[in-house]
Amino acid sequence: MLRLTTLIDGRRETQDLADGTWFVGRGDMCRVRLDFPDVSERHALLSVRDGVVTIKDLHSSNGTYVNGEEIDDEVVLDGSKVVQIGSSMLRVSDESEEPAPAEEPVPASAAGERPMPSEPDPEPADPMRELRLNVQEQIQRELLKRMDMKRLTLQGVDREGLEDTARQKIRSIIDEVVANGKLPDGIDPVRLEDDVFNEAMRLGPLEDLLADDTVSEIMVNGPHSVYIERGGRLQLSDCQFTDDASVLAVIERIIAPLGRRCDESQPYVDARLADGSRVNAIIAPLALSGPTITIRKFSKKALTADDFIRFGTWTHNAAEFMKLCVLLRKNIIVAGGTGSGKTTLLNLLSGYIPHNERIVTVEDAAELRLQQPHVVRLEARPPNIEGKGAVTIRDLVKNCLRMRPDRIIVGECRGGESLDMLQAMNTGHDGSLTTVHANSPRDVISRLETMVLMSGMELPSRAIREQIASAVDIIIHESRLSDGSRKVVAITEVTGLEGSQIVMQDIFAFRQSGVGADGKVIGEFKPTGAMPTWYDQLAGRGIRCDPRMFDPDSGVDVDVEVVKR
C-alpha cells in the first residue's frame, strides 16, 4: 500500500493512497488539505494508478516544486522525491519504507519564492555593510542637529543653497570624525559623504540606480527590498534604505515640488522626476510590505528612429511610413500593455511634427519631451486635502481645443476624455496622437468604446463606432515579448465601417517564428503587402513614396521624399 507523508510546520501526518485522483490545496474539496494562504484552492493533482503516483501543478499562484525544481508537466513520484507546496512537504513511499525525517526535506522557502537547493541557514549579514549603515545613521542625526532646515527655508534659501549648506555640514562632521580617529577602518569618507548627502537631500540609495543607464525600472518594496529591471529582466539589487521613514522621506522629496501629497487620507500618488521618469508611490495602510515606490526611468538621450531600428523595435520602412503618416496629419493611436514603450514611441512620433506647428500636450504627469519650439504643456491636478480643486485630463482636453492647437497630444486616454479626443480628431484637429492600453489593434476599438461610455454619454454602439472609424486613421501596437524586448508588432490602418463592424488592415506586422537557444524571440517585422487606402493622394500632397515600401518581398529600404514647391 502506498503512503503519503505530509510535513506541516514540523508536524508529520500520514495517510494511505488508494488508486484515483487526489486534489491538493486549501479548498474544502481537497483530499490533501493544506490550509495556508500561500497554497491555492486547487493547487496540485496527485494521480495513483497501479502503484504509480504522479503529481501535476494546476496553474497555482506559487508553483509546485519537486526536489527544489518547479514543475511544468506531470512528474512521477517515488521515495527519493520530495514535493514542496508552499511551506509544506509531501513524500510518497511504500509501507515498508521509513518516512523521511523532519531534518531532511528540501528547505522551505518563503511564500511565492522559488526554493533553493542550498543550505537552510540564511546567509550571515555583511558586518561591514551593517557598520557603514550605522555610521551613516549617526552622521545623519548629527546633521539634523546642526542644520536648521526650517530657519534656512524661512530665510528664502533656495534648494541649491540648501544642498551647498548640507554638503559643507556633512563634510565638516566627517572631518571631525576622521580627526578624532573614530571612523572605522574600511569606510571611505568620500563615499560616506555622498551617501549621507543623498539620504538627507536627494533620493538616498536610489541615486546610484538612477544614474545607471542600464537600469530601466526601479521597484522599492519596503526599505530592505529593492528590485531593478536590467536588460528586460528583474533582479534584486544590493541597495537598501535605513527604515520606512527613509523611504517616506524620498517619496516626499519627489512629490513636494509637484504640489502633490501622499498620506493616510491619500495613500498613493502618481508623480514624475525632473527628467520625466514616471513614479508611483503607495504607503500604509494599503501597502503591507512597507512604503513602495515604482520608478520607470526614461532614457537621458532621446531615442531616434535609427535607435529603434538598431534595437529591432521596427524597420527602416516602418519608420518612414510612420513619418509619412505624421506629415499627412493622420490621427494615430499607440497601443500596448504596461511597460511596452508606448510613451517612448509617442515621443519619437512627435519628433516628425514640423517645427512651424503649435502643439498642445495633455498628460496626467508630464513625461513627454518634445523638441519643437512651439509647445504648450498641460498637466492634470489631483484634488486637495479637502477633495476639491481637481483638474482632470478631460477638463484639459476640452480647454486645449480653445488654445488654437495645430496638434493635440494626449499622454494616455484611460477614461471619459476618449470621447473628447475623438471629437477633436473629427472636428478639424487632425494629426492628433495618443496612447491606449490594449492587447491588439482590434482590442483598441473595444477599449475606446468602453471608455467613451465612461464619459457618461448614453450613446448607441453604432454611433460610437462611427466616431471611431471617422477619427482614427492608424493604430500602432507595441508589445513586450517574452525575452524582455519591446517591438512594434503591428501597424494597422482603420479603413472604415461596414455594417456595424470597423474594418482594419495591417500594413506592417511582426511574425514570430520561434525562440532561440538564448531565449531571444526569433521573428520578422515586414510589410503585409496591403497598401494604405490613401496612397493615391500622396502625389497631390507633394510627397513621393516608392510603392516597394509595402512589398513584403522587395527588401528595399525606401525613403519618403517631400517635394518642395
Protein backbone atom coordinates (compact mmCIF):
# COMPACT_ATOMS: atom_id res chain seq x y z
CA MET A 1 0.00 0.00 0.00
CA LEU A 2 1.31 3.43 -0.88
CA ARG A 3 1.53 6.03 1.83
CA LEU A 4 1.64 9.86 1.69
CA THR A 5 3.62 11.62 4.41
CA THR A 6 2.98 15.36 4.86
CA LEU A 7 5.25 17.59 6.92
CA ILE A 8 3.50 20.77 8.09
CA ASP A 9 5.35 23.13 10.46
CA GLY A 10 7.41 20.23 11.80
CA ARG A 11 4.28 18.11 12.33
CA ARG A 12 4.06 14.87 10.33
CA GLU A 13 0.78 13.49 9.04
CA THR A 14 0.41 10.15 7.20
CA GLN A 15 -2.41 8.77 5.08
CA ASP A 16 -2.83 5.79 2.74
CA LEU A 17 -3.06 6.44 -1.01
CA ALA A 18 -5.67 4.40 -2.88
CA ASP A 19 -5.98 4.37 -6.67
CA GLY A 20 -7.66 7.51 -8.00
CA THR A 21 -7.11 11.27 -8.08
CA TRP A 22 -6.26 13.39 -5.06
CA PHE A 23 -6.59 17.16 -5.15
CA VAL A 24 -4.03 19.03 -3.04
CA GLY A 25 -4.84 22.57 -1.87
CA ARG A 26 -6.56 24.64 0.77
CA GLY A 27 -10.08 24.20 -0.58
CA ASP A 28 -12.64 22.10 1.31
CA MET A 29 -12.95 19.69 -1.63
CA CYS A 30 -9.25 18.70 -1.46
CA ARG A 31 -8.43 15.27 -0.01
CA VAL A 32 -4.93 16.54 0.91
CA ARG A 33 -5.75 19.84 2.59
CA LEU A 34 -3.06 22.47 3.25
CA ASP A 35 -4.86 25.42 4.77
CA PHE A 36 -2.27 28.14 4.19
CA PRO A 37 -2.53 31.47 2.31
CA ASP A 38 0.41 30.58 0.01
CA VAL A 39 -1.47 27.49 -1.23
CA SER A 40 -4.11 27.80 -3.97
CA GLU A 41 -7.68 26.44 -3.64
CA ARG A 42 -6.78 23.60 -6.01
CA HIS A 43 -3.02 23.69 -6.07
CA ALA A 44 -1.95 20.31 -7.50
CA LEU A 45 -3.34 16.93 -8.54
CA LEU A 46 -2.00 13.57 -7.30
CA SER A 47 -2.89 10.60 -9.53
CA VAL A 48 -2.47 6.99 -8.34
CA ARG A 49 -2.68 4.21 -10.94
CA ASP A 50 -1.43 0.63 -10.40
CA GLY A 51 1.20 1.66 -7.86
CA VAL A 52 2.44 4.66 -9.89
CA VAL A 53 1.97 8.10 -8.37
CA THR A 54 2.24 11.31 -10.40
CA ILE A 55 1.77 14.97 -9.47
CA LYS A 56 0.74 17.86 -11.69
CA ASP A 57 0.56 21.57 -10.87
CA LEU A 58 -2.89 23.08 -11.53
CA HIS A 59 -1.68 26.52 -12.59
CA SER A 60 -1.25 27.54 -8.95
CA SER A 61 -0.18 31.01 -7.87
CA ASN A 62 3.09 29.98 -6.22
CA GLY A 63 4.03 26.80 -8.08
CA THR A 64 4.71 23.19 -7.12
CA TYR A 65 8.30 22.04 -6.59
CA VAL A 66 9.87 18.58 -6.69
CA ASN A 67 13.34 18.33 -5.12
CA GLY A 68 13.66 22.10 -5.32
CA GLU A 69 12.75 22.43 -9.03
CA GLU A 70 9.47 23.96 -10.18
CA ILE A 71 7.46 21.54 -12.32
CA ASP A 72 5.64 22.36 -15.54
CA ASP A 73 4.50 18.89 -16.58
CA GLU A 74 3.31 15.78 -14.78
CA VAL A 75 6.10 14.19 -12.67
CA VAL A 76 6.31 10.59 -11.42
CA LEU A 77 6.98 10.40 -7.66
CA ASP A 78 8.97 7.83 -5.74
CA GLY A 79 10.59 7.66 -2.30
CA SER A 80 13.55 9.80 -3.42
CA LYS A 81 11.42 12.81 -4.40
CA VAL A 82 10.12 15.45 -2.01
CA VAL A 83 7.25 17.69 -3.08
CA GLN A 84 7.07 21.25 -1.75
CA ILE A 85 3.82 23.18 -1.83
CA GLY A 86 4.08 26.49 -0.02
CA SER A 87 5.80 25.71 3.28
CA SER A 88 4.59 22.10 3.39
CA MET A 89 6.48 18.96 2.30
CA LEU A 90 4.97 15.77 0.84
CA ARG A 91 6.62 12.40 0.18
CA VAL A 92 5.20 9.20 -1.30
CA SER A 93 6.55 5.82 -0.08
CA ASP A 94 5.67 2.14 0.32
CA GLU A 95 4.61 0.96 3.75
CA SER A 96 7.95 -0.85 4.05
CA GLU A 97 9.92 2.41 3.68
CA GLU A 98 10.77 4.70 6.54
CA PRO A 99 9.31 8.18 6.16
CA ALA A 100 11.83 10.96 5.60
CA PRO A 101 12.88 12.60 8.87
CA ALA A 102 11.94 16.21 9.50
CA GLU A 103 15.50 17.38 9.06
CA GLU A 104 15.97 16.02 5.53
CA PRO A 105 13.39 17.63 3.22
CA VAL A 106 14.16 20.39 0.78
CA PRO A 107 14.26 23.61 2.81
CA ALA A 108 11.03 25.59 2.73
CA SER A 109 11.06 28.93 1.04
CA ALA A 110 9.00 31.99 1.70
CA ALA A 111 5.57 32.06 0.11
CA GLY A 112 5.76 32.56 -3.62
CA GLU A 113 9.57 32.22 -3.83
CA ARG A 114 11.49 29.56 -5.67
CA PRO A 115 13.05 27.13 -3.17
CA MET A 116 16.81 26.98 -3.44
CA PRO A 117 18.67 23.68 -3.08
CA SER A 118 21.22 25.18 -0.72
CA GLU A 119 21.94 25.29 3.00
CA PRO A 120 18.87 26.05 5.10
CA ASP A 121 20.71 28.59 7.19
CA PRO A 122 20.37 32.14 5.88
CA GLU A 123 23.48 33.92 4.73
CA PRO A 124 25.02 35.95 7.54
CA ALA A 125 24.58 39.70 7.26
CA ASP A 126 27.55 41.62 5.90
CA PRO A 127 29.10 43.13 9.07
CA MET A 128 30.85 45.86 7.07
CA ARG A 129 27.56 46.93 5.49
CA GLU A 130 25.84 46.99 8.87
CA LEU A 131 28.68 49.08 10.30
CA ARG A 132 28.58 51.52 7.38
CA LEU A 133 24.79 52.00 7.73
CA ASN A 134 25.21 52.54 11.46
CA VAL A 135 27.89 55.23 10.96
CA GLN A 136 25.77 56.85 8.23
CA GLU A 137 22.76 57.00 10.55
CA GLN A 138 24.80 58.65 13.32
CA ILE A 139 26.12 61.32 10.94
CA GLN A 140 22.58 61.99 9.68
CA ARG A 141 21.37 62.57 13.24
CA GLU A 142 24.26 64.96 13.84
CA LEU A 143 23.46 66.78 10.59
CA LEU A 144 19.86 67.36 11.73
CA LYS A 145 21.15 68.89 14.96
CA ARG A 146 23.49 71.30 13.19
CA MET A 147 21.32 72.25 10.24
CA ASP A 148 18.12 74.17 10.94
CA MET A 149 16.19 73.45 7.74
CA LYS A 150 13.12 75.41 8.82
CA ARG A 151 15.15 78.55 9.55
CA LEU A 152 17.02 78.33 6.25
CA THR A 153 13.76 77.89 4.33
CA LEU A 154 12.16 80.88 6.04
CA GLN A 155 15.22 82.95 5.13
CA GLY A 156 14.48 82.24 1.48
CA VAL A 157 17.42 79.95 0.81
CA ASP A 158 16.74 78.08 -2.45
CA ARG A 159 17.24 74.37 -2.96
CA GLU A 160 20.70 74.81 -4.42
CA GLY A 161 21.72 76.86 -1.37
CA LEU A 162 20.30 74.21 0.99
CA GLU A 163 22.27 71.49 -0.80
CA ASP A 164 25.52 73.50 -0.61
CA THR A 165 24.98 74.11 3.10
CA ALA A 166 24.19 70.44 3.74
CA ARG A 167 27.27 69.32 1.80
CA GLN A 168 29.51 71.63 3.88
CA LYS A 169 27.98 70.46 7.18
CA ILE A 170 28.37 66.77 6.24
CA ARG A 171 31.98 67.27 5.18
CA SER A 172 32.68 69.10 8.44
CA ILE A 173 31.16 66.30 10.55
CA ILE A 174 33.09 63.57 8.72
CA ASP A 175 36.34 65.56 9.03
CA GLU A 176 35.80 65.75 12.79
CA VAL A 177 35.14 62.01 12.99
CA VAL A 178 38.31 61.26 10.99
CA ALA A 179 40.40 63.72 13.06
CA ASN A 180 39.24 62.05 16.27
CA GLY A 181 40.13 58.62 14.88
CA LYS A 182 36.55 57.40 15.22
CA LEU A 183 35.88 56.45 11.58
CA PRO A 184 36.12 52.64 11.37
CA ASP A 185 38.71 51.18 9.04
CA GLY A 186 37.42 50.19 5.62
CA ILE A 187 34.88 53.03 5.31
CA ASP A 188 35.65 55.50 2.53
CA PRO A 189 34.95 59.05 3.82
CA VAL A 190 34.22 60.34 0.28
CA ARG A 191 31.64 57.61 -0.38
CA LEU A 192 30.22 58.14 3.10
CA GLU A 193 29.79 61.86 2.38
CA ASP A 194 27.89 61.09 -0.84
CA ASP A 195 25.66 58.50 0.88
CA VAL A 196 24.73 60.85 3.73
CA PHE A 197 24.11 63.74 1.32
CA ASN A 198 21.89 61.63 -0.95
CA GLU A 199 19.94 60.33 2.05
CA ALA A 200 19.46 63.82 3.51
CA MET A 201 18.85 65.94 0.40
CA ARG A 202 18.11 63.73 -2.57
CA LEU A 203 16.73 60.26 -3.21
CA GLY A 204 19.09 58.31 -0.95
CA PRO A 205 20.21 54.89 -2.20
CA LEU A 206 18.21 55.37 -5.41
CA GLU A 207 20.65 57.98 -6.74
CA ASP A 208 23.16 55.36 -7.91
CA LEU A 209 20.39 53.36 -9.62
CA LEU A 210 19.01 56.47 -11.32
CA ALA A 211 22.49 57.29 -12.62
CA ASP A 212 22.93 53.77 -14.03
CA ASP A 213 21.82 53.88 -17.67
CA THR A 214 21.47 50.08 -17.81
CA VAL A 215 18.65 50.18 -15.22
CA SER A 216 15.25 50.78 -16.84
CA GLU A 217 12.96 50.35 -13.83
CA ILE A 218 13.35 50.58 -10.04
CA MET A 219 10.94 48.87 -7.63
CA VAL A 220 11.23 49.61 -3.91
CA ASN A 221 9.24 47.02 -1.93
CA GLY A 222 9.88 48.41 1.53
CA PRO A 223 13.22 49.64 2.92
CA HIS A 224 15.17 46.39 2.58
CA SER A 225 13.96 45.04 -0.77
CA VAL A 226 14.81 47.00 -3.92
CA TYR A 227 14.44 45.30 -7.31
CA ILE A 228 15.61 46.64 -10.65
CA GLU A 229 14.97 45.80 -14.29
CA ARG A 230 18.09 45.47 -16.41
CA GLY A 231 18.02 44.17 -19.97
CA GLY A 232 14.35 43.29 -19.64
CA ARG A 233 14.99 41.04 -16.60
CA LEU A 234 14.17 41.61 -12.92
CA GLN A 235 16.90 41.24 -10.33
CA LEU A 236 17.38 42.07 -6.65
CA SER A 237 19.80 44.95 -6.08
CA ASP A 238 22.05 45.42 -3.06
CA CYS A 239 20.50 48.86 -2.49
CA GLN A 240 18.75 49.29 0.88
CA PHE A 241 17.14 52.07 2.92
CA THR A 242 17.64 52.54 6.64
CA ASP A 243 13.96 52.18 7.56
CA ASP A 244 10.40 53.04 6.48
CA ALA A 245 10.89 56.69 7.43
CA SER A 246 13.78 56.92 4.97
CA VAL A 247 11.57 55.65 2.11
CA LEU A 248 8.76 58.03 3.10
CA ALA A 249 11.23 60.94 3.05
CA VAL A 250 12.22 60.04 -0.52
CA ILE A 251 8.54 59.93 -1.57
CA GLU A 252 8.02 63.37 -0.03
CA ARG A 253 11.04 64.80 -1.88
CA ILE A 254 9.67 63.51 -5.18
CA ILE A 255 6.11 64.79 -4.83
CA ALA A 256 6.63 68.04 -2.88
CA PRO A 257 7.82 70.12 -5.90
CA LEU A 258 4.75 68.94 -7.83
CA GLY A 259 2.28 70.08 -5.17
CA ARG A 260 1.04 66.53 -4.57
CA ARG A 261 0.61 64.61 -1.34
CA CYS A 262 0.79 61.07 -0.06
CA ASP A 263 -0.58 60.43 3.41
CA GLU A 264 -3.17 58.30 5.21
CA SER A 265 -6.07 60.09 3.55
CA GLN A 266 -4.48 59.70 0.07
CA PRO A 267 -2.06 56.76 0.43
CA TYR A 268 -0.99 56.54 -3.22
CA VAL A 269 0.24 59.06 -5.77
CA ASP A 270 1.49 59.34 -9.36
CA ALA A 271 4.36 61.74 -9.95
CA ARG A 272 7.47 62.29 -12.07
CA LEU A 273 11.13 63.09 -11.62
CA ALA A 274 12.82 66.12 -13.12
CA ASP A 275 13.95 64.08 -16.15
CA GLY A 276 10.38 62.91 -16.83
CA SER A 277 10.75 59.44 -15.30
CA ARG A 278 7.38 58.11 -14.12
CA VAL A 279 6.89 57.50 -10.39
CA ASN A 280 4.16 55.70 -8.45
CA ALA A 281 4.20 55.52 -4.66
CA ILE A 282 1.86 53.72 -2.27
CA ILE A 283 2.14 53.59 1.51
CA ALA A 284 0.43 52.11 4.57
CA PRO A 285 -2.30 51.18 5.27
CA LEU A 286 -2.60 49.99 1.64
CA ALA A 287 1.00 48.75 1.22
CA LEU A 288 1.52 45.97 3.74
CA SER A 289 5.21 45.33 3.00
CA GLY A 290 6.24 48.92 3.65
CA PRO A 291 6.31 52.11 1.54
CA THR A 292 6.51 51.07 -2.10
CA ILE A 293 7.98 53.12 -4.96
CA THR A 294 7.98 52.20 -8.64
CA ILE A 295 10.10 54.32 -10.98
CA ARG A 296 10.04 53.83 -14.73
CA LYS A 297 13.14 55.57 -15.98
CA PHE A 298 13.29 57.49 -19.22
CA SER A 299 16.43 57.49 -21.31
CA LYS A 300 18.57 60.57 -20.75
CA LYS A 301 19.09 60.67 -24.51
CA ALA A 302 16.01 61.00 -26.68
CA LEU A 303 15.74 57.86 -28.82
CA THR A 304 15.66 58.25 -32.58
CA ALA A 305 14.18 56.14 -35.36
CA ASP A 306 17.67 54.77 -36.03
CA ASP A 307 17.89 53.63 -32.39
CA PHE A 308 14.59 51.79 -32.80
CA ILE A 309 15.92 50.11 -35.94
CA ARG A 310 19.13 49.11 -34.16
CA PHE A 311 17.18 47.69 -31.21
CA GLY A 312 14.98 45.70 -33.60
CA THR A 313 11.83 47.52 -32.49
CA TRP A 314 10.86 48.19 -36.10
CA THR A 315 12.41 48.54 -39.58
CA HIS A 316 13.55 51.46 -41.73
CA ASN A 317 10.46 51.23 -43.94
CA ALA A 318 8.13 51.15 -40.93
CA ALA A 319 9.83 54.28 -39.56
CA GLU A 320 9.45 56.05 -42.92
CA PHE A 321 5.81 55.01 -43.14
CA MET A 322 5.09 56.50 -39.69
CA LYS A 323 6.91 59.68 -40.71
CA LEU A 324 4.62 59.75 -43.74
CA CYS A 325 1.52 59.35 -41.53
CA VAL A 326 2.56 62.21 -39.25
CA LEU A 327 3.31 64.52 -42.17
CA LEU A 328 -0.11 63.70 -43.68
CA ARG A 329 -1.72 64.60 -40.32
CA LYS A 330 -3.17 61.15 -39.74
CA ASN A 331 -4.69 60.58 -36.29
CA ILE A 332 -2.54 57.95 -34.59
CA ILE A 333 -3.11 55.78 -31.52
CA VAL A 334 -0.15 53.96 -29.94
CA ALA A 335 -1.40 50.86 -28.13
CA GLY A 336 0.21 48.23 -25.94
CA GLY A 337 0.48 46.79 -22.47
CA THR A 338 2.12 48.24 -19.39
CA GLY A 339 5.83 48.82 -19.92
CA SER A 340 5.71 48.11 -23.65
CA GLY A 341 7.21 51.50 -24.53
CA LYS A 342 4.13 53.47 -25.64
CA THR A 343 5.28 56.83 -24.27
CA THR A 344 8.77 56.42 -25.74
CA LEU A 345 7.27 55.68 -29.15
CA LEU A 346 4.86 58.62 -28.81
CA ASN A 347 7.88 60.86 -28.11
CA LEU A 348 9.56 59.57 -31.23
CA LEU A 349 6.49 60.11 -33.44
CA SER A 350 6.11 63.66 -32.15
CA GLY A 351 9.59 64.38 -33.49
CA TYR A 352 8.21 64.09 -37.04
CA ILE A 353 5.83 67.04 -36.48
CA PRO A 354 7.01 70.12 -38.40
CA HIS A 355 8.58 72.84 -36.26
CA ASN A 356 6.20 75.53 -37.52
CA GLU A 357 3.15 73.97 -35.85
CA ARG A 358 1.66 74.74 -32.40
CA ILE A 359 1.48 71.60 -30.24
CA VAL A 360 -0.54 71.25 -27.02
CA THR A 361 0.23 68.23 -24.81
CA VAL A 362 -2.13 66.95 -22.11
CA GLU A 363 -0.80 64.49 -19.52
CA ASP A 364 -1.56 63.12 -16.09
CA ALA A 365 2.10 63.53 -15.14
CA ALA A 366 4.20 65.43 -17.68
CA GLU A 367 6.55 62.89 -19.31
CA LEU A 368 6.73 63.84 -22.98
CA ARG A 369 9.85 65.69 -24.10
CA LEU A 370 9.13 67.38 -27.40
CA GLN A 371 11.91 69.09 -29.34
CA GLN A 372 9.74 71.60 -31.24
CA PRO A 373 9.94 75.28 -30.20
CA HIS A 374 6.18 75.92 -30.01
CA VAL A 375 4.88 73.51 -27.38
CA VAL A 376 2.31 74.16 -24.62
CA ARG A 377 2.39 71.52 -21.86
CA LEU A 378 -0.67 70.92 -19.67
CA GLU A 379 -0.69 68.64 -16.62
CA ALA A 380 -3.69 67.34 -14.68
CA ARG A 381 -4.06 68.22 -11.00
CA PRO A 382 -5.30 65.89 -8.22
CA PRO A 383 -7.78 67.08 -5.56
CA ASN A 384 -6.52 68.89 -2.49
CA ILE A 385 -6.80 67.62 1.08
CA GLU A 386 -10.46 68.65 1.12
CA GLY A 387 -11.17 66.65 -2.04
CA LYS A 388 -11.63 69.76 -4.16
CA GLY A 389 -9.76 71.53 -6.92
CA ALA A 390 -9.10 68.52 -9.15
CA VAL A 391 -8.47 69.21 -12.83
CA THR A 392 -8.83 66.05 -14.91
CA ILE A 393 -7.41 65.05 -18.27
CA ARG A 394 -10.89 65.51 -19.71
CA ASP A 395 -11.06 69.11 -18.46
CA LEU A 396 -7.70 69.85 -20.06
CA VAL A 397 -8.64 68.24 -23.40
CA LYS A 398 -11.75 70.42 -23.54
CA ASN A 399 -9.72 73.50 -22.65
CA CYS A 400 -6.94 72.87 -25.16
CA LEU A 401 -9.49 72.98 -28.01
CA ARG A 402 -9.75 76.72 -27.28
CA MET A 403 -5.97 77.21 -27.44
CA ARG A 404 -5.65 77.13 -31.25
CA PRO A 405 -3.63 73.89 -31.41
CA ASP A 406 -2.30 72.52 -34.69
CA ARG A 407 -1.72 69.18 -32.95
CA ILE A 408 -3.11 67.73 -29.74
CA ILE A 409 -1.10 65.03 -27.97
CA VAL A 410 -2.75 63.26 -25.03
CA GLY A 411 -0.30 61.20 -22.98
CA GLU A 412 -2.85 58.46 -22.32
CA CYS A 413 -6.59 58.02 -22.78
CA ARG A 414 -7.98 55.95 -19.94
CA GLY A 415 -11.48 57.30 -19.32
CA GLY A 416 -14.14 59.75 -20.48
CA GLU A 417 -11.56 62.00 -22.15
CA SER A 418 -11.56 59.48 -25.01
CA LEU A 419 -14.86 60.93 -26.24
CA ASP A 420 -13.44 64.47 -26.26
CA MET A 421 -10.30 63.23 -28.02
CA LEU A 422 -12.40 61.56 -30.74
CA GLN A 423 -14.48 64.72 -31.10
CA ALA A 424 -11.31 66.78 -31.54
CA MET A 425 -10.00 64.38 -34.18
CA ASN A 426 -13.32 64.69 -36.01
CA THR A 427 -13.61 68.48 -35.86
CA GLY A 428 -10.52 69.75 -37.62
CA HIS A 429 -7.78 68.85 -35.14
CA ASP A 430 -6.32 66.13 -37.31
CA GLY A 431 -2.81 64.88 -36.77
CA SER A 432 -3.51 64.17 -33.10
CA LEU A 433 -1.67 61.46 -31.18
CA THR A 434 -2.45 59.50 -28.02
CA THR A 435 -1.83 56.15 -26.30
CA VAL A 436 -4.24 53.47 -25.12
CA HIS A 437 -3.73 50.32 -23.05
CA ALA A 438 -4.78 47.42 -25.26
CA ASN A 439 -3.65 43.92 -26.26
CA SER A 440 -4.16 44.21 -30.03
CA PRO A 441 -5.29 46.73 -32.65
CA ARG A 442 -8.77 45.18 -32.61
CA ASP A 443 -8.81 45.48 -28.83
CA VAL A 444 -8.17 49.23 -29.18
CA ILE A 445 -11.60 49.63 -30.78
CA SER A 446 -13.45 47.86 -27.97
CA ARG A 447 -11.40 49.76 -25.36
CA LEU A 448 -12.31 53.07 -26.97
CA GLU A 449 -15.99 52.09 -27.00
CA THR A 450 -15.84 51.26 -23.30
CA MET A 451 -14.00 54.48 -22.42
CA VAL A 452 -16.47 56.61 -24.39
CA LEU A 453 -19.28 55.09 -22.30
CA MET A 454 -17.29 56.09 -19.18
CA SER A 455 -17.86 59.73 -20.18
CA GLY A 456 -21.49 59.36 -19.06
CA MET A 457 -22.93 59.90 -22.53
CA GLU A 458 -25.53 57.25 -23.35
CA LEU A 459 -24.54 56.84 -26.99
CA PRO A 460 -25.59 53.82 -29.09
CA SER A 461 -22.82 51.43 -30.05
CA ARG A 462 -23.10 52.24 -33.75
CA ALA A 463 -22.72 55.98 -33.14
CA ILE A 464 -19.56 55.36 -31.11
CA ARG A 465 -18.11 53.13 -33.82
CA GLU A 466 -18.88 55.74 -36.48
CA GLN A 467 -16.96 58.28 -34.42
CA ILE A 468 -14.01 55.90 -34.02
CA ALA A 469 -13.93 54.89 -37.68
CA SER A 470 -14.03 58.53 -38.77
CA ALA A 471 -11.47 59.77 -36.22
CA VAL A 472 -8.77 57.09 -36.00
CA ASP A 473 -6.52 56.53 -39.02
CA ILE A 474 -3.56 54.47 -37.75
CA ILE A 475 -3.06 52.14 -34.76
CA ILE A 476 0.49 51.16 -33.78
CA HIS A 477 0.59 48.16 -31.47
CA GLU A 478 3.75 47.72 -29.40
CA SER A 479 4.39 44.68 -27.24
CA ARG A 480 6.87 43.46 -24.69
CA LEU A 481 7.90 39.95 -25.72
CA SER A 482 8.87 37.00 -23.55
CA ASP A 483 12.61 37.81 -23.80
CA GLY A 484 12.03 41.31 -22.40
CA SER A 485 12.45 43.06 -25.77
CA ARG A 486 9.99 45.70 -26.90
CA LYS A 487 8.82 45.53 -30.50
CA VAL A 488 6.22 47.13 -32.72
CA VAL A 489 4.15 44.09 -33.68
CA ALA A 490 1.56 45.75 -35.93
CA ILE A 491 0.93 48.99 -37.80
CA THR A 492 -2.73 48.92 -38.74
CA GLU A 493 -4.90 51.24 -40.84
CA VAL A 494 -8.54 51.81 -39.90
CA THR A 495 -10.27 51.81 -43.29
CA GLY A 496 -13.88 52.49 -42.34
CA LEU A 497 -17.16 50.99 -41.16
CA GLU A 498 -19.02 48.18 -42.89
CA GLY A 499 -22.37 47.49 -41.31
CA SER A 500 -21.66 47.60 -37.58
CA GLN A 501 -18.05 46.38 -37.85
CA ILE A 502 -14.96 48.58 -38.04
CA VAL A 503 -12.70 47.39 -40.87
CA MET A 504 -8.92 47.41 -40.43
CA GLN A 505 -5.91 46.16 -42.39
CA ASP A 506 -2.35 45.52 -41.22
CA ILE A 507 0.22 47.48 -43.21
CA PHE A 508 3.22 46.07 -41.29
CA ALA A 509 3.24 43.09 -38.91
CA PHE A 510 5.69 41.08 -36.81
CA ARG A 511 5.57 37.31 -37.22
CA GLN A 512 7.32 35.26 -34.55
CA SER A 513 8.91 32.08 -35.87
CA GLY A 514 10.42 30.68 -32.69
CA VAL A 515 12.70 31.21 -29.71
CA GLY A 516 16.50 30.88 -29.87
CA ALA A 517 18.69 28.83 -27.54
CA ASP A 518 19.49 32.04 -25.61
CA GLY A 519 15.77 32.71 -25.06
CA LYS A 520 15.65 35.51 -27.65
CA VAL A 521 12.48 35.74 -29.72
CA ILE A 522 13.06 34.99 -33.41
CA GLY A 523 10.80 36.67 -35.95
CA GLU A 524 10.49 39.18 -38.76
CA PHE A 525 8.77 42.54 -39.00
CA LYS A 526 7.80 43.23 -42.60
CA PRO A 527 5.05 44.67 -44.82
CA THR A 528 1.95 42.58 -45.31
CA GLY A 529 1.52 43.61 -48.95
CA ALA A 530 -1.51 45.81 -48.24
CA MET A 531 -1.35 49.41 -49.49
CA PRO A 532 -2.85 52.23 -47.42
CA THR A 533 -6.13 53.39 -48.90
CA TRP A 534 -4.86 56.98 -49.20
CA TYR A 535 -1.67 56.11 -51.14
CA ASP A 536 -3.04 57.66 -54.38
CA GLN A 537 -3.35 61.03 -52.60
CA LEU A 538 0.40 61.36 -51.96
CA ALA A 539 1.30 62.91 -55.30
CA GLY A 540 -1.28 65.65 -54.79
CA ARG A 541 0.23 66.40 -51.37
CA GLY A 542 3.73 66.82 -52.80
CA ILE A 543 5.11 63.60 -51.31
CA ARG A 544 6.93 60.84 -53.13
CA CYS A 545 6.92 57.29 -51.74
CA ASP A 546 8.18 54.25 -53.61
CA PRO A 547 5.42 51.55 -53.55
CA ARG A 548 8.13 48.94 -52.87
CA MET A 549 7.86 50.10 -49.24
CA PHE A 550 4.76 47.90 -48.99
CA ASP A 551 6.12 44.89 -50.87
CA PRO A 552 6.99 42.06 -48.41
CA ASP A 553 9.47 40.56 -50.90
CA SER A 554 11.33 43.67 -52.09
CA GLY A 555 13.79 44.04 -49.20
CA VAL A 556 14.49 47.63 -50.35
CA ASP A 557 14.75 50.48 -47.85
CA VAL A 558 12.58 53.30 -49.12
CA ASP A 559 12.82 56.97 -48.10
CA VAL A 560 9.83 59.31 -48.10
CA GLU A 561 10.58 62.48 -50.08
CA VAL A 562 8.74 65.78 -49.62
CA VAL A 563 8.76 67.76 -52.86
CA LYS A 564 9.44 71.44 -52.25
CA ARG A 565 7.43 73.85 -54.35
